[in-house]
PDB file of N, CA and C in Angstrom:
ATOM      1  N   UNK A   1       0.741  -1.261   0.009  1.00  0.00           N
ATOM      2  CA  UNK A   1      -0.141   0.103  -0.105  1.00  0.00           C
ATOM      3  C   UNK A   1       0.964   1.299   0.133  1.00  0.00           C
ATOM      4  N   UNK A   2       1.941   1.129   0.855  1.00  0.00           N
ATOM      5  CA  UNK A   2       2.908   2.416   0.769  1.00  0.00           C
ATOM      6  C   UNK A   2       3.413   2.823  -0.740  1.00  0.00           C
ATOM      7  N   UNK A   3       3.488   1.716  -1.519  1.00  0.00           N
ATOM      8  CA  UNK A   3       3.950   2.095  -2.885  1.00  0.00           C
ATOM      9  C   UNK A   3       3.155   2.793  -3.713  1.00  0.00           C
ATOM     10  N   UNK A   4       1.738   2.306  -3.487  1.00  0.00           N
ATOM     11  CA  UNK A   4       0.633   2.957  -4.076  1.00  0.00           C
ATOM     12  C   UNK A   4       0.353   4.230  -4.033  1.00  0.00           C
ATOM     13  N   UNK A   5       0.416   4.509  -2.464  1.00  0.00           N
ATOM     14  CA  UNK A   5       0.248   5.860  -1.950  1.00  0.00           C
ATOM     15  C   UNK A   5       1.286   6.746  -2.391  1.00  0.00           C
ATOM     16  N   UNK A   6       2.728   6.387  -2.556  1.00  0.00           N
ATOM     17  CA  UNK A   6       3.614   7.005  -3.323  1.00  0.00           C
ATOM     18  C   UNK A   6       3.577   7.313  -4.589  1.00  0.00           C
ATOM     19  N   UNK A   7       3.262   6.265  -5.515  1.00  0.00           N
ATOM     20  CA  UNK A   7       2.801   6.469  -6.921  1.00  0.00           C
ATOM     21  C   UNK A   7       1.647   7.577  -6.939  1.00  0.00           C
ATOM     22  N   UNK A   8       0.783   7.631  -6.174  1.00  0.00           N
ATOM     23  CA  UNK A   8      -0.178   8.447  -6.314  1.00  0.00           C
ATOM     24  C   UNK A   8      -0.132   9.950  -6.178  1.00  0.00           C
ATOM     25  N   UNK A   9       0.777  10.112  -5.028  1.00  0.00           N
ATOM     26  CA  UNK A   9       1.593  11.420  -4.644  1.00  0.00           C
ATOM     27  C   UNK A   9       2.423  11.742  -5.905  1.00  0.00           C
ATOM     28  N   UNK A  10       3.153  11.059  -6.355  1.00  0.00           N
ATOM     29  CA  UNK A  10       3.966  11.508  -7.501  1.00  0.00           C
ATOM     30  C   UNK A  10       3.303  11.907  -8.606  1.00  0.00           C
ATOM     31  N   UNK A  11       2.408  11.298  -8.707  1.00  0.00           N
ATOM     32  CA  UNK A  11       1.376  11.503 -10.241  1.00  0.00           C
ATOM     33  C   UNK A  11       0.798  12.896  -9.764  1.00  0.00           C
ATOM     34  N   UNK A  12       0.295  12.929  -8.515  1.00  0.00           N
ATOM     35  CA  UNK A  12      -0.780  14.030  -8.060  1.00  0.00           C
ATOM     36  C   UNK A  12       0.280  15.397  -8.029  1.00  0.00           C
ATOM     37  N   UNK A  13       1.388  15.297  -7.987  1.00  0.00           N
ATOM     38  CA  UNK A  13       2.341  16.132  -7.523  1.00  0.00           C
ATOM     39  C   UNK A  13       2.310  17.437  -8.896  1.00  0.00           C
ATOM     40  N   UNK A  14       2.186  17.005 -10.070  1.00  0.00           N
ATOM     41  CA  UNK A  14       2.335  17.584 -11.248  1.00  0.00           C
ATOM     42  C   UNK A  14       1.002  18.451 -11.447  1.00  0.00           C
ATOM     43  N   UNK A  15      -0.297  17.834 -10.945  1.00  0.00           N
ATOM     44  CA  UNK A  15      -1.217  18.726 -11.744  1.00  0.00           C
ATOM     45  C   UNK A  15      -1.496  19.957 -10.832  1.00  0.00           C
ATOM     46  N   UNK A  16      -1.241  20.162  -9.862  1.00  0.00           N
ATOM     47  CA  UNK A  16      -1.599  21.780  -9.230  1.00  0.00           C
ATOM     48  C   UNK A  16      -0.763  22.673 -10.236  1.00  0.00           C
ATOM     49  N   UNK A  17       0.394  22.345 -10.350  1.00  0.00           N
ATOM     50  CA  UNK A  17       1.196  23.302 -11.702  1.00  0.00           C
ATOM     51  C   UNK A  17       0.424  23.145 -13.001  1.00  0.00           C
ATOM     52  N   UNK A  18       0.218  22.090 -13.389  1.00  0.00           N
ATOM     53  CA  UNK A  18      -0.515  22.037 -14.641  1.00  0.00           C
ATOM     54  C   UNK A  18      -1.704  22.681 -14.990  1.00  0.00           C
ATOM     55  N   UNK A  19      -2.373  22.693 -13.715  1.00  0.00           N
ATOM     56  CA  UNK A  19      -3.777  23.602 -13.619  1.00  0.00           C
ATOM     57  C   UNK A  19      -3.607  25.040 -13.923  1.00  0.00           C
ATOM     58  N   UNK A  20      -2.369  25.360 -12.912  1.00  0.00           N
ATOM     59  CA  UNK A  20      -2.093  26.957 -12.919  1.00  0.00           C
ATOM     60  C   UNK A  20      -1.589  27.329 -14.308  1.00  0.00           C
ATOM     61  N   UNK A  21      -0.849  26.701 -14.984  1.00  0.00           N
ATOM     62  CA  UNK A  21      -0.412  27.112 -16.342  1.00  0.00           C
ATOM     63  C   UNK A  21      -1.491  27.201 -17.272  1.00  0.00           C
ATOM     64  N   UNK A  22      -2.492  25.941 -17.201  1.00  0.00           N
ATOM     65  CA  UNK A  22      -3.614  26.084 -18.059  1.00  0.00           C
ATOM     66  C   UNK A  22      -5.005  27.094 -17.644  1.00  0.00           C
ATOM     67  N   UNK A  23      -4.696  27.572 -16.726  1.00  0.00           N
ATOM     68  CA  UNK A  23      -5.891  28.632 -16.196  1.00  0.00           C
ATOM     69  C   UNK A  23      -5.017  29.884 -16.716  1.00  0.00           C
ATOM     70  N   UNK A  24      -3.765  30.042 -16.562  1.00  0.00           N
ATOM     71  CA  UNK A  24      -3.190  31.477 -16.590  1.00  0.00           C
ATOM     72  C   UNK A  24      -2.893  31.690 -18.249  1.00  0.00           C
ATOM     73  N   UNK A  25      -2.601  30.520 -18.783  1.00  0.00           N
ATOM     74  CA  UNK A  25      -2.059  30.709 -20.112  1.00  0.00           C
ATOM     75  C   UNK A  25      -3.115  30.956 -21.276  1.00  0.00           C
ATOM     76  N   UNK A  26      -3.991  30.206 -20.782  1.00  0.00           N
ATOM     77  CA  UNK A  26      -5.413  30.172 -21.819  1.00  0.00           C
ATOM     78  C   UNK A  26      -4.891  29.638 -23.624  1.00  0.00           C
ATOM     79  N   UNK A  27      -4.042  28.559 -22.930  1.00  0.00           N
ATOM     80  CA  UNK A  27      -3.627  27.925 -24.140  1.00  0.00           C
ATOM     81  C   UNK A  27      -3.524  26.275 -24.266  1.00  0.00           C
ATOM     82  N   UNK A  28      -3.717  25.600 -25.283  1.00  0.00           N
ATOM     83  CA  UNK A  28      -3.599  24.412 -25.410  1.00  0.00           C
ATOM     84  C   UNK A  28      -2.421  23.663 -25.782  1.00  0.00           C
ATOM     85  N   UNK A  29      -1.746  24.531 -26.114  1.00  0.00           N
ATOM     86  CA  UNK A  29      -0.359  24.098 -26.681  1.00  0.00           C
ATOM     87  C   UNK A  29       0.337  22.981 -25.755  1.00  0.00           C
ATOM     88  N   UNK A  30       0.740  22.000 -26.238  1.00  0.00           N
ATOM     89  CA  UNK A  30       1.373  21.115 -25.454  1.00  0.00           C
ATOM     90  C   UNK A  30       0.364  19.954 -24.477  1.00  0.00           C
ATOM     91  N   UNK A  31      -0.851  20.066 -24.658  1.00  0.00           N
ATOM     92  CA  UNK A  31      -1.699  19.440 -24.140  1.00  0.00           C
ATOM     93  C   UNK A  31      -2.271  18.518 -25.242  1.00  0.00           C
ATOM     94  N   UNK A  32      -2.388  17.156 -24.394  1.00  0.00           N
ATOM     95  CA  UNK A  32      -3.124  16.113 -24.840  1.00  0.00           C
ATOM     96  C   UNK A  32      -4.508  15.832 -24.394  1.00  0.00           C
ATOM     97  N   UNK A  33      -5.799  16.039 -25.182  1.00  0.00           N
ATOM     98  CA  UNK A  33      -6.906  15.763 -24.463  1.00  0.00           C
ATOM     99  C   UNK A  33      -7.011  14.279 -24.363  1.00  0.00           C
ATOM    100  N   UNK A  34      -6.663  13.541 -25.420  1.00  0.00           N
ATOM    101  CA  UNK A  34      -6.627  12.132 -25.597  1.00  0.00           C
ATOM    102  C   UNK A  34      -5.933  11.542 -24.162  1.00  0.00           C
ATOM    103  N   UNK A  35      -4.582  12.030 -23.804  1.00  0.00           N
ATOM    104  CA  UNK A  35      -4.031  11.660 -22.644  1.00  0.00           C
ATOM    105  C   UNK A  35      -4.733  11.985 -21.646  1.00  0.00           C
ATOM    106  N   UNK A  36      -5.259  13.026 -21.227  1.00  0.00           N
ATOM    107  CA  UNK A  36      -6.107  13.389 -20.151  1.00  0.00           C
ATOM    108  C   UNK A  36      -7.253  12.277 -20.026  1.00  0.00           C
ATOM    109  N   UNK A  37      -7.814  12.199 -20.947  1.00  0.00           N
ATOM    110  CA  UNK A  37      -9.000  10.954 -20.889  1.00  0.00           C
ATOM    111  C   UNK A  37      -8.527   9.886 -20.267  1.00  0.00           C
ATOM    112  N   UNK A  38      -7.486   9.370 -20.983  1.00  0.00           N
ATOM    113  CA  UNK A  38      -6.740   7.957 -20.597  1.00  0.00           C
ATOM    114  C   UNK A  38      -6.638   8.030 -19.061  1.00  0.00           C
ATOM    115  N   UNK A  39      -5.873   8.788 -18.523  1.00  0.00           N
ATOM    116  CA  UNK A  39      -5.605   9.097 -17.074  1.00  0.00           C
ATOM    117  C   UNK A  39      -7.163   9.257 -16.519  1.00  0.00           C
ATOM    118  N   UNK A  40      -8.064   9.753 -16.753  1.00  0.00           N
ATOM    119  CA  UNK A  40      -9.201   9.999 -16.171  1.00  0.00           C
ATOM    120  C   UNK A  40      -9.723   8.616 -15.899  1.00  0.00           C
ATOM    121  N   UNK A  41      -9.833   7.923 -16.880  1.00  0.00           N
ATOM    122  CA  UNK A  41     -10.408   6.444 -16.993  1.00  0.00           C
ATOM    123  C   UNK A  41      -9.512   5.545 -16.123  1.00  0.00           C
ATOM    124  N   UNK A  42      -8.238   5.655 -16.255  1.00  0.00           N
ATOM    125  CA  UNK A  42      -7.232   4.925 -15.331  1.00  0.00           C
ATOM    126  C   UNK A  42      -7.429   5.183 -13.616  1.00  0.00           C
ATOM    127  N   UNK A  43      -7.786   6.625 -13.513  1.00  0.00           N
ATOM    128  CA  UNK A  43      -8.249   6.872 -12.085  1.00  0.00           C
ATOM    129  C   UNK A  43      -9.722   6.387 -11.675  1.00  0.00           C
ATOM    130  N   UNK A  44     -10.391   6.249 -12.742  1.00  0.00           N
ATOM    131  CA  UNK A  44     -11.677   5.633 -12.467  1.00  0.00           C
ATOM    132  C   UNK A  44     -11.456   4.083 -12.177  1.00  0.00           C
ATOM    133  N   UNK A  45     -10.885   3.369 -12.926  1.00  0.00           N
ATOM    134  CA  UNK A  45     -10.699   2.273 -12.604  1.00  0.00           C
ATOM    135  C   UNK A  45      -9.964   1.980 -11.275  1.00  0.00           C
ATOM    136  N   UNK A  46      -9.249   2.916 -10.633  1.00  0.00           N
ATOM    137  CA  UNK A  46      -8.092   2.590  -9.602  1.00  0.00           C
ATOM    138  C   UNK A  46      -9.488   2.979  -8.478  1.00  0.00           C
ATOM    139  N   UNK A  47     -10.305   3.651  -8.813  1.00  0.00           N
ATOM    140  CA  UNK A  47     -11.317   4.026  -7.602  1.00  0.00           C
ATOM    141  C   UNK A  47     -12.296   2.796  -7.509  1.00  0.00           C
ATOM    142  N   UNK A  48     -12.710   2.438  -8.745  1.00  0.00           N
ATOM    143  CA  UNK A  48     -13.573   0.937  -8.720  1.00  0.00           C
ATOM    144  C   UNK A  48     -12.929  -0.131  -8.016  1.00  0.00           C
ATOM    145  N   UNK A  49     -11.652  -0.304  -8.308  1.00  0.00           N
ATOM    146  CA  UNK A  49     -10.720  -1.318  -7.730  1.00  0.00           C
ATOM    147  C   UNK A  49     -10.972  -1.205  -5.958  1.00  0.00           C
ATOM    148  N   UNK A  50     -10.503   0.033  -5.608  1.00  0.00           N
ATOM    149  CA  UNK A  50     -10.544   0.080  -4.185  1.00  0.00           C
ATOM    150  C   UNK A  50     -11.610   0.018  -3.585  1.00  0.00           C
ATOM    151  N   UNK A  51     -13.088   0.387  -4.332  1.00  0.00           N
ATOM    152  CA  UNK A  51     -14.422   0.515  -3.986  1.00  0.00           C
ATOM    153  C   UNK A  51     -14.919  -1.015  -3.599  1.00  0.00           C
ATOM    154  N   UNK A  52     -14.435  -1.723  -4.772  1.00  0.00           N
ATOM    155  CA  UNK A  52     -15.049  -3.341  -4.759  1.00  0.00           C
ATOM    156  C   UNK A  52     -14.184  -4.231  -4.038  1.00  0.00           C
ATOM    157  N   UNK A  53     -12.635  -3.962  -4.450  1.00  0.00           N
ATOM    158  CA  UNK A  53     -12.106  -5.138  -3.872  1.00  0.00           C
ATOM    159  C   UNK A  53     -10.823  -5.003  -2.497  1.00  0.00           C
ATOM    160  N   UNK A  54     -10.553  -3.546  -2.459  1.00  0.00           N
ATOM    161  CA  UNK A  54      -9.588  -3.141  -1.532  1.00  0.00           C
ATOM    162  C   UNK A  54      -9.620  -1.980  -0.974  1.00  0.00           C
ATOM    163  N   UNK A  55     -10.920  -1.812  -0.229  1.00  0.00           N
ATOM    164  CA  UNK A  55     -11.248  -0.274   0.404  1.00  0.00           C
ATOM    165  C   UNK A  55     -10.315   0.060   1.463  1.00  0.00           C
ATOM    166  N   UNK A  56      -9.645   1.237   1.120  1.00  0.00           N
ATOM    167  CA  UNK A  56      -8.955   1.756   2.185  1.00  0.00           C
ATOM    168  C   UNK A  56      -8.835   3.364   2.047  1.00  0.00           C
ATOM    169  N   UNK A  57      -8.378   4.149   2.673  1.00  0.00           N
ATOM    170  CA  UNK A  57      -8.200   5.501   2.721  1.00  0.00           C
ATOM    171  C   UNK A  57      -7.388   5.874   1.291  1.00  0.00           C
ATOM    172  N   UNK A  58      -6.560   4.958   0.685  1.00  0.00           N
ATOM    173  CA  UNK A  58      -6.108   5.457  -0.707  1.00  0.00           C
ATOM    174  C   UNK A  58      -7.071   5.880  -1.759  1.00  0.00           C
ATOM    175  N   UNK A  59      -8.266   5.492  -1.355  1.00  0.00           N
ATOM    176  CA  UNK A  59      -9.013   5.719  -2.654  1.00  0.00           C
ATOM    177  C   UNK A  59      -9.128   7.211  -2.836  1.00  0.00           C
ATOM    178  N   UNK A  60      -9.080   8.009  -1.745  1.00  0.00           N
ATOM    179  CA  UNK A  60      -9.118   9.483  -1.554  1.00  0.00           C
ATOM    180  C   UNK A  60      -8.051  10.153  -2.323  1.00  0.00           C
ATOM    181  N   UNK A  61      -6.793   9.525  -2.423  1.00  0.00           N
ATOM    182  CA  UNK A  61      -5.825  10.067  -3.356  1.00  0.00           C
ATOM    183  C   UNK A  61      -6.219   9.498  -4.685  1.00  0.00           C
ATOM    184  N   UNK A  62      -6.699   8.632  -5.035  1.00  0.00           N
ATOM    185  CA  UNK A  62      -7.404   8.647  -6.604  1.00  0.00           C
ATOM    186  C   UNK A  62      -8.505   9.494  -6.745  1.00  0.00           C
ATOM    187  N   UNK A  63      -9.404   9.749  -5.815  1.00  0.00           N
ATOM    188  CA  UNK A  63     -10.237  10.883  -6.210  1.00  0.00           C
ATOM    189  C   UNK A  63      -9.579  12.195  -6.084  1.00  0.00           C
ATOM    190  N   UNK A  64      -8.805  12.563  -5.253  1.00  0.00           N
ATOM    191  CA  UNK A  64      -8.045  13.829  -5.645  1.00  0.00           C
ATOM    192  C   UNK A  64      -7.278  13.901  -6.799  1.00  0.00           C
ATOM    193  N   UNK A  65      -6.717  13.004  -7.572  1.00  0.00           N
ATOM    194  CA  UNK A  65      -5.844  13.131  -8.617  1.00  0.00           C
ATOM    195  C   UNK A  65      -7.185  13.159  -9.632  1.00  0.00           C
ATOM    196  N   UNK A  66      -8.096  12.461  -9.549  1.00  0.00           N
ATOM    197  CA  UNK A  66      -9.274  12.419 -10.607  1.00  0.00           C
ATOM    198  C   UNK A  66      -9.866  13.737 -10.656  1.00  0.00           C
ATOM    199  N   UNK A  67     -10.097  14.389  -9.585  1.00  0.00           N
ATOM    200  CA  UNK A  67     -10.521  15.778  -9.601  1.00  0.00           C
ATOM    201  C   UNK A  67      -9.474  16.906 -10.064  1.00  0.00           C
ATOM    202  N   UNK A  68      -8.468  16.551 -10.051  1.00  0.00           N
ATOM    203  CA  UNK A  68      -7.162  17.462 -10.501  1.00  0.00           C
ATOM    204  C   UNK A  68      -7.144  17.294 -12.089  1.00  0.00           C
ATOM    205  N   UNK A  69      -7.257  16.106 -12.328  1.00  0.00           N
ATOM    206  CA  UNK A  69      -6.991  15.771 -13.784  1.00  0.00           C
ATOM    207  C   UNK A  69      -8.379  16.529 -14.649  1.00  0.00           C
ATOM    208  N   UNK A  70      -9.652  16.141 -13.935  1.00  0.00           N
ATOM    209  CA  UNK A  70     -10.786  16.727 -14.615  1.00  0.00           C
ATOM    210  C   UNK A  70     -10.738  18.188 -14.773  1.00  0.00           C
ATOM    211  N   UNK A  71     -10.134  19.070 -13.677  1.00  0.00           N
ATOM    212  CA  UNK A  71     -10.159  20.272 -13.873  1.00  0.00           C
ATOM    213  C   UNK A  71      -9.202  20.707 -14.672  1.00  0.00           C
ATOM    214  N   UNK A  72      -8.045  20.081 -15.157  1.00  0.00           N
ATOM    215  CA  UNK A  72      -7.052  20.427 -16.072  1.00  0.00           C
ATOM    216  C   UNK A  72      -7.963  20.129 -17.401  1.00  0.00           C
ATOM    217  N   UNK A  73      -8.759  19.105 -17.431  1.00  0.00           N
ATOM    218  CA  UNK A  73      -9.140  18.782 -18.704  1.00  0.00           C
ATOM    219  C   UNK A  73     -10.547  20.083 -18.945  1.00  0.00           C
ATOM    220  N   UNK A  74     -10.979  20.446 -18.108  1.00  0.00           N
ATOM    221  CA  UNK A  74     -12.184  21.305 -18.433  1.00  0.00           C
ATOM    222  C   UNK A  74     -11.409  22.563 -18.789  1.00  0.00           C
ATOM    223  N   UNK A  75     -10.230  23.025 -18.250  1.00  0.00           N
ATOM    224  CA  UNK A  75      -9.610  24.026 -18.329  1.00  0.00           C
ATOM    225  C   UNK A  75      -9.135  24.002 -19.939  1.00  0.00           C
ATOM    226  N   UNK A  76      -8.732  22.740 -20.454  1.00  0.00           N
ATOM    227  CA  UNK A  76      -8.273  22.430 -21.810  1.00  0.00           C
ATOM    228  C   UNK A  76      -9.541  23.010 -22.868  1.00  0.00           C
ATOM    229  N   UNK A  77     -10.608  22.555 -22.681  1.00  0.00           N
ATOM    230  CA  UNK A  77     -11.750  22.833 -23.334  1.00  0.00           C
ATOM    231  C   UNK A  77     -12.075  24.308 -23.468  1.00  0.00           C
ATOM    232  N   UNK A  78     -11.826  25.024 -22.099  1.00  0.00           N
ATOM    233  CA  UNK A  78     -12.191  26.327 -21.839  1.00  0.00           C
ATOM    234  C   UNK A  78     -11.073  27.308 -22.881  1.00  0.00           C
ATOM    235  N   UNK A  79      -9.890  26.651 -22.828  1.00  0.00           N
ATOM    236  CA  UNK A  79      -8.884  27.451 -23.222  1.00  0.00           C
ATOM    237  C   UNK A  79      -8.961  27.312 -25.114  1.00  0.00           C
ATOM    238  N   UNK A  80      -9.399  25.883 -25.426  1.00  0.00           N
ATOM    239  CA  UNK A  80      -9.604  25.567 -26.847  1.00  0.00           C
ATOM    240  C   UNK A  80     -10.779  26.489 -27.576  1.00  0.00           C
ATOM    241  N   UNK A  81     -11.861  26.809 -26.444  1.00  0.00           N
ATOM    242  CA  UNK A  81     -13.046  27.810 -26.770  1.00  0.00           C
ATOM    243  C   UNK A  81     -12.155  28.969 -26.995  1.00  0.00           C
ATOM    244  N   UNK A  82     -11.623  29.711 -26.007  1.00  0.00           N
ATOM    245  CA  UNK A  82     -10.958  31.005 -25.894  1.00  0.00           C
ATOM    246  C   UNK A  82     -10.230  30.990 -27.380  1.00  0.00           C
ATOM    247  N   UNK A  83      -9.113  30.033 -27.635  1.00  0.00           N
ATOM    248  CA  UNK A  83      -8.640  30.261 -28.630  1.00  0.00           C
ATOM    249  C   UNK A  83      -9.126  30.063 -30.046  1.00  0.00           C
ATOM    250  N   UNK A  84     -10.144  29.302 -30.221  1.00  0.00           N
ATOM    251  CA  UNK A  84     -10.758  29.206 -31.413  1.00  0.00           C
ATOM    252  C   UNK A  84     -11.855  31.077 -31.671  1.00  0.00           C
ATOM    253  N   UNK A  85     -12.574  31.390 -30.448  1.00  0.00           N
ATOM    254  CA  UNK A  85     -12.908  32.533 -30.499  1.00  0.00           C
ATOM    255  C   UNK A  85     -11.918  33.763 -31.014  1.00  0.00           C
ATOM    256  N   UNK A  86     -10.563  33.598 -30.447  1.00  0.00           N
ATOM    257  CA  UNK A  86      -9.586  34.540 -30.732  1.00  0.00           C
ATOM    258  C   UNK A  86      -9.408  34.469 -32.015  1.00  0.00           C
ATOM    259  N   UNK A  87      -9.126  33.510 -32.551  1.00  0.00           N
ATOM    260  CA  UNK A  87      -8.622  33.223 -33.957  1.00  0.00           C
ATOM    261  C   UNK A  87      -9.655  33.548 -34.953  1.00  0.00           C
ATOM    262  N   UNK A  88     -11.101  33.308 -34.839  1.00  0.00           N
ATOM    263  CA  UNK A  88     -12.190  33.775 -35.334  1.00  0.00           C
ATOM    264  C   UNK A  88     -12.188  35.360 -35.556  1.00  0.00           C
ATOM    265  N   UNK A  89     -11.907  36.019 -34.318  1.00  0.00           N
ATOM    266  CA  UNK A  89     -11.973  37.535 -34.272  1.00  0.00           C
ATOM    267  C   UNK A  89     -10.847  38.197 -35.045  1.00  0.00           C
ATOM    268  N   UNK A  90      -9.701  37.299 -35.075  1.00  0.00           N
ATOM    269  CA  UNK A  90      -8.556  37.692 -36.050  1.00  0.00           C
ATOM    270  C   UNK A  90      -8.749  37.862 -37.215  1.00  0.00           C
ATOM    271  N   UNK A  91      -9.484  36.649 -37.811  1.00  0.00           N
ATOM    272  CA  UNK A  91      -9.843  36.257 -39.284  1.00  0.00           C
ATOM    273  C   UNK A  91     -10.753  37.312 -39.753  1.00  0.00           C
ATOM    274  N   UNK A  92     -11.132  38.377 -39.085  1.00  0.00           N
ATOM    275  CA  UNK A  92     -12.069  39.344 -39.569  1.00  0.00           C
ATOM    276  C   UNK A  92     -11.602  40.381 -40.236  1.00  0.00           C
TER     277      UNK A  92
END
């Protein structure tokens, strides 16, 4: 269990910075929505595994990571919409 906790902490450590950069830059450069969706699906499977087979407090780390990736994914779509709107304004 300790290695699972450490893995989730390591994976989760990058998301606050990614969320901040996504929020402030309003750019989708370097982001892969497919990658974000794969991560979300992976966290869902981790949560389901914890819920059905091995319930313990580690589930909260899965949920926290899922929430952070969800926020980053939502910011991706917000930024993409913003960029499309900016580009259409420039085309006029």
